C-alpha atoms as a PDB file:
ATOM      1  CA  MET A   1     -40.669 -71.456 -60.787  1.00  0.00           C
ATOM      2  CA  GLU A   2     -41.999 -74.937 -60.135  1.00  0.00           C
ATOM      3  CA  LYS A   3     -39.605 -77.349 -58.445  1.00  0.00           C
ATOM      4  CA  LEU A   4     -39.343 -80.908 -59.685  1.00  0.00           C
ATOM      5  CA  PRO A   5     -40.203 -83.785 -57.329  1.00  0.00           C
ATOM      6  CA  LEU A   6     -37.274 -85.596 -55.675  1.00  0.00           C
ATOM      7  CA  LYS A   7     -37.861 -88.717 -57.783  1.00  0.00           C
ATOM      8  CA  LYS A   8     -37.433 -86.694 -61.005  1.00  0.00           C
ATOM      9  CA  HIS A   9     -34.201 -85.083 -59.752  1.00  0.00           C
ATOM     10  CA  LYS A  10     -32.903 -88.506 -58.773  1.00  0.00           C
ATOM     11  CA  THR A  11     -33.722 -89.942 -62.226  1.00  0.00           C
ATOM     12  CA  ILE A  12     -31.885 -87.091 -63.948  1.00  0.00           C
ATOM     13  CA  LEU A  13     -28.805 -87.408 -61.703  1.00  0.00           C
ATOM     14  CA  GLU A  14     -28.669 -91.192 -62.114  1.00  0.00           C
ATOM     15  CA  LYS A  15     -28.647 -91.053 -65.911  1.00  0.00           C
ATOM     16  CA  GLY A  16     -24.862 -91.127 -65.726  1.00  0.00           C
ATOM     17  CA  GLY A  17     -24.941 -94.591 -64.180  1.00  0.00           C
ATOM     18  CA  LEU A  18     -24.208 -93.600 -60.577  1.00  0.00           C
ATOM     19  CA  LYS A  19     -26.681 -94.191 -57.758  1.00  0.00           C
ATOM     20  CA  TYR A  20     -27.469 -91.523 -55.155  1.00  0.00           C
ATOM     21  CA  THR A  21     -29.256 -91.583 -51.819  1.00  0.00           C
ATOM     22  CA  ASP A  22     -32.183 -89.274 -51.242  1.00  0.00           C
ATOM     23  CA  ASN A  23     -30.004 -87.163 -48.931  1.00  0.00           C
ATOM     24  CA  GLU A  24     -27.292 -86.828 -51.587  1.00  0.00           C
ATOM     25  CA  VAL A  25     -29.914 -85.753 -54.124  1.00  0.00           C
ATOM     26  CA  LEU A  26     -31.366 -83.216 -51.701  1.00  0.00           C
ATOM     27  CA  SER A  27     -27.913 -81.873 -50.910  1.00  0.00           C
ATOM     28  CA  THR A  28     -27.148 -81.561 -54.623  1.00  0.00           C
ATOM     29  CA  ILE A  29     -30.420 -79.785 -55.296  1.00  0.00           C
ATOM     30  CA  GLU A  30     -29.816 -77.356 -52.421  1.00  0.00           C
ATOM     31  CA  PHE A  31     -26.297 -76.652 -53.651  1.00  0.00           C
ATOM     32  CA  LEU A  32     -27.492 -76.007 -57.217  1.00  0.00           C
ATOM     33  CA  TYR A  33     -30.203 -73.619 -55.979  1.00  0.00           C
ATOM     34  CA  LEU A  34     -27.589 -71.734 -53.915  1.00  0.00           C
ATOM     35  CA  ILE A  35     -25.392 -71.376 -57.016  1.00  0.00           C
ATOM     36  CA  ALA A  36     -28.392 -70.210 -59.055  1.00  0.00           C
ATOM     37  CA  ASP A  37     -29.275 -67.632 -56.374  1.00  0.00           C
ATOM     38  CA  LEU A  38     -25.690 -66.314 -56.323  1.00  0.00           C
ATOM     39  CA  ASP A  39     -25.562 -66.163 -60.092  1.00  0.00           C
ATOM     40  CA  TYR A  40     -28.841 -64.234 -60.236  1.00  0.00           C
ATOM     41  CA  GLU A  41     -27.618 -61.835 -57.537  1.00  0.00           C
ATOM     42  CA  ILE A  42     -24.432 -61.149 -59.489  1.00  0.00           C
ATOM     43  CA  TYR A  43     -26.421 -60.686 -62.714  1.00  0.00           C
ATOM     44  CA  SER A  44     -28.848 -58.278 -61.036  1.00  0.00           C
ATOM     45  CA  LYS A  45     -26.073 -56.163 -59.514  1.00  0.00           C
ATOM     46  CA  ARG A  46     -24.211 -56.005 -62.805  1.00  0.00           C
ATOM     47  CA  HIS A  47     -27.389 -55.009 -64.653  1.00  0.00           C
ATOM     48  CA  ARG A  48     -28.177 -52.249 -62.116  1.00  0.00           C
ATOM     49  CA  ARG A  49     -24.614 -50.900 -62.343  1.00  0.00           C
ATOM     50  CA  GLU A  50     -24.733 -50.912 -66.137  1.00  0.00           C
ATOM     51  CA  LEU A  51     -28.022 -48.941 -66.019  1.00  0.00           C
ATOM     52  CA  GLU A  52     -26.559 -46.465 -63.565  1.00  0.00           C
ATOM     53  CA  PHE A  53     -23.470 -46.059 -65.714  1.00  0.00           C
ATOM     54  CA  SER A  54     -25.484 -45.505 -68.881  1.00  0.00           C
ATOM     55  CA  LYS A  55     -27.573 -42.868 -67.074  1.00  0.00           C
ATOM     56  CA  LEU A  56     -24.402 -41.121 -65.931  1.00  0.00           C
ATOM     57  CA  LYS A  57     -23.065 -41.115 -69.472  1.00  0.00           C
ATOM     58  CA  GLU A  58     -26.280 -39.507 -70.716  1.00  0.00           C
ATOM     59  CA  THR A  59     -26.293 -36.783 -68.064  1.00  0.00           C
ATOM     60  CA  PRO A  60     -24.835 -33.562 -69.477  1.00  0.00           C
ATOM     61  CA  LYS A  61     -21.700 -32.363 -67.807  1.00  0.00           C
ATOM     62  CA  THR A  62     -21.875 -28.997 -66.088  1.00  0.00           C
ATOM     63  CA  GLU A  63     -18.887 -26.724 -66.002  1.00  0.00           C
ATOM     64  CA  THR A  64     -17.410 -25.729 -62.710  1.00  0.00           C
ATOM     65  CA  VAL A  65     -15.607 -22.418 -62.312  1.00  0.00           C
END
């Protein structure tokens, strides 16, 4: 995924009327990427567990004596 230049991020953030320093913009970008990484990690783990669960449901049960 291509990252936007700092100036573009700053323009987007400042649309609300507030002004931000470059360091504030960089901190915000870093924070948002961390949240995105965590969200993707949670999604991936959930997806793997759902696949494992569906495979377990499909596996025929064997009788134990």
